[in-house]
């Protein structure tokens, strides 16, 4: 459900906001010379909002292991960021083609990616509202209620 919210915000920012056409958004026409995929669009809106796409190994140790596994030459052969992970795990769950075993093979991966998705969604909503106060990082499952930080765009 969180990715549906992300997709809605991406549509609002990129298409309704006039940054790209519907065909560019849907990957039917190039945007700045590149055919965009969902992870490219997510990375774009997160970066524009100053939201880090790095994966914090302390908050997401299982996701960090998944990223390391996927960097192997016999897998994807590249380092994935948060935008890649959120969209790939979503796609493997929604459109299973035998690749879902990598999602369930690592105990806790779906939980960490859900927390990351929720973190991105909340920050993008706060950014769209112009919020500049403190927030609690929703990737954290432990801590005190007062454990807050400034939003990343301040």
Protein backbone atom coordinates (compact mmCIF):
# COMPACT_ATOMS: atom_id res chain seq x y z
CA UNK A 1 0.00 0.00 0.00
CA UNK A 2 2.89 2.33 0.72
CA UNK A 3 4.18 2.06 -2.82
CA UNK A 4 0.76 3.09 -4.14
CA UNK A 5 1.13 6.26 -2.09
CA UNK A 6 4.64 6.80 -3.45
CA UNK A 7 3.39 6.35 -7.00
CA UNK A 8 0.61 8.86 -6.40
CA UNK A 9 3.05 11.45 -5.04
CA UNK A 10 5.46 10.82 -7.94
CA UNK A 11 2.61 11.38 -10.42
CA UNK A 12 1.62 14.61 -8.68
CA UNK A 13 5.16 15.97 -8.53
CA UNK A 14 6.39 14.87 -11.93
CA UNK A 15 3.38 14.94 -14.26
CA UNK A 16 0.87 17.25 -12.61
CA UNK A 17 3.79 19.45 -11.51
CA UNK A 18 4.83 19.80 -15.16
CA UNK A 19 8.29 18.22 -14.97
CA UNK A 20 7.45 15.51 -17.51
CA UNK A 21 4.67 14.30 -19.75
CA UNK A 22 2.47 11.29 -19.09
CA UNK A 23 4.34 9.34 -21.80
CA UNK A 24 7.71 10.20 -20.25
CA UNK A 25 6.44 9.18 -16.82
CA UNK A 26 5.13 5.88 -18.15
CA UNK A 27 8.43 5.13 -19.89
CA UNK A 28 7.01 5.42 -23.42
CA UNK A 29 9.15 8.43 -24.33
CA UNK A 30 12.59 9.44 -23.08
CA UNK A 31 12.98 12.05 -20.37
CA UNK A 32 16.24 13.98 -20.81
CA UNK A 33 17.43 11.22 -23.13
CA UNK A 34 16.58 8.34 -20.79
CA UNK A 35 13.66 5.96 -20.59
CA UNK A 36 12.71 6.16 -16.92
CA UNK A 37 11.71 3.23 -14.79
CA UNK A 38 9.88 3.42 -11.48
CA UNK A 39 13.07 3.42 -9.41
CA UNK A 40 14.39 6.32 -11.52
CA UNK A 41 11.26 8.35 -10.84
CA UNK A 42 11.34 7.54 -7.13
CA UNK A 43 15.04 8.43 -6.92
CA UNK A 44 14.31 11.72 -8.69
CA UNK A 45 11.58 12.85 -6.30
CA UNK A 46 13.49 11.72 -3.22
CA UNK A 47 16.67 13.48 -4.33
CA UNK A 48 14.78 16.66 -5.21
CA UNK A 49 13.33 16.64 -1.67
CA UNK A 50 16.83 16.08 -0.16
CA UNK A 51 15.77 12.67 1.17
CA UNK A 52 18.67 10.23 1.33
CA UNK A 53 18.44 7.13 -0.83
CA UNK A 54 21.34 5.50 1.02
CA UNK A 55 20.58 2.35 2.99
CA UNK A 56 21.48 2.67 6.67
CA UNK A 57 23.08 -0.62 7.71
CA UNK A 58 22.16 -0.06 11.37
CA UNK A 59 18.48 0.49 10.62
CA UNK A 60 18.26 -2.03 7.76
CA UNK A 61 20.79 -4.85 8.28
CA UNK A 62 18.81 -7.43 6.29
CA UNK A 63 18.34 -4.99 3.41
CA UNK A 64 22.08 -4.32 3.50
CA UNK A 65 22.65 -8.09 3.13
CA UNK A 66 20.17 -8.20 0.22
CA UNK A 67 22.01 -5.32 -1.50
CA UNK A 68 25.36 -7.10 -1.03
CA UNK A 69 23.92 -10.33 -2.47
CA UNK A 70 22.46 -8.49 -5.48
CA UNK A 71 25.83 -6.82 -6.19
CA UNK A 72 27.33 -10.21 -7.11
CA UNK A 73 28.12 -10.66 -10.82
CA UNK A 74 25.74 -13.62 -11.09
CA UNK A 75 22.91 -11.45 -9.71
CA UNK A 76 22.40 -7.80 -10.72
CA UNK A 77 26.07 -6.89 -10.50
CA UNK A 78 25.45 -3.40 -9.19
CA UNK A 79 24.96 -1.62 -5.88
CA UNK A 80 21.31 -0.89 -5.18
CA UNK A 81 20.03 2.18 -3.35
CA UNK A 82 16.79 2.68 -1.43
CA UNK A 83 14.82 3.58 -4.55
CA UNK A 84 15.98 0.37 -6.24
CA UNK A 85 15.19 -1.80 -3.23
CA UNK A 86 11.70 -0.39 -2.60
CA UNK A 87 10.63 -0.80 -6.22
CA UNK A 88 12.29 -4.18 -6.76
CA UNK A 89 10.82 -5.77 -3.65
CA UNK A 90 7.40 -4.31 -4.51
CA UNK A 91 7.65 -5.73 -8.03
CA UNK A 92 8.76 -9.15 -6.80
CA UNK A 93 5.79 -9.32 -4.44
CA UNK A 94 3.17 -7.97 -6.85
CA UNK A 95 4.44 -9.67 -10.02
CA UNK A 96 6.04 -12.94 -8.85
CA UNK A 97 7.96 -14.81 -11.53
CA UNK A 98 10.00 -17.12 -9.36
CA UNK A 99 12.13 -14.27 -8.01
CA UNK A 100 10.06 -13.93 -4.86
CA UNK A 101 12.15 -16.54 -3.08
CA UNK A 102 14.89 -13.92 -2.69
CA UNK A 103 12.33 -11.72 -0.94
CA UNK A 104 11.38 -14.41 1.57
CA UNK A 105 14.83 -16.02 1.83
CA UNK A 106 16.10 -13.19 4.02
CA UNK A 107 14.06 -13.12 7.22
CA UNK A 108 12.97 -9.55 7.92
CA UNK A 109 13.57 -8.13 4.43
CA UNK A 110 9.92 -7.39 3.73
CA UNK A 111 9.57 -5.68 7.12
CA UNK A 112 12.62 -3.47 6.57
CA UNK A 113 11.51 -2.52 3.06
CA UNK A 114 8.02 -1.73 4.36
CA UNK A 115 9.60 0.53 7.00
CA UNK A 116 11.75 2.21 4.32
CA UNK A 117 8.71 2.68 2.07
CA UNK A 118 6.74 4.23 4.94
CA UNK A 119 9.73 6.47 5.78
CA UNK A 120 9.93 7.75 2.18
CA UNK A 121 6.17 8.25 1.93
CA UNK A 122 5.90 10.25 5.14
CA UNK A 123 8.89 12.43 4.27
CA UNK A 124 7.51 13.16 0.80
CA UNK A 125 4.13 14.09 2.27
CA UNK A 126 5.78 16.36 4.86
CA UNK A 127 7.90 17.92 2.11
CA UNK A 128 4.84 18.54 -0.08
CA UNK A 129 3.20 20.34 2.85
CA UNK A 130 6.25 22.54 3.41
CA UNK A 131 6.78 21.07 6.89
CA UNK A 132 10.08 22.12 8.46
CA UNK A 133 9.83 20.82 12.03
CA UNK A 134 11.15 17.68 13.70
CA UNK A 135 10.06 14.19 12.69
CA UNK A 136 10.63 10.64 13.88
CA UNK A 137 12.44 8.34 11.47
CA UNK A 138 9.86 5.64 10.79
CA UNK A 139 12.54 3.09 9.91
CA UNK A 140 13.36 2.96 13.63
CA UNK A 141 11.36 0.40 15.55
CA UNK A 142 12.92 1.14 18.94
CA UNK A 143 13.71 4.23 20.93
CA UNK A 144 12.01 6.98 22.81
CA UNK A 145 9.05 9.00 21.63
CA UNK A 146 11.26 12.08 21.77
CA UNK A 147 13.88 10.62 19.41
CA UNK A 148 13.34 13.10 16.60
CA UNK A 149 15.48 14.92 14.04
CA UNK A 150 15.05 17.79 11.63
CA UNK A 151 13.52 16.93 8.28
CA UNK A 152 16.34 16.47 5.74
CA UNK A 153 15.46 19.48 3.56
CA UNK A 154 15.95 22.00 6.39
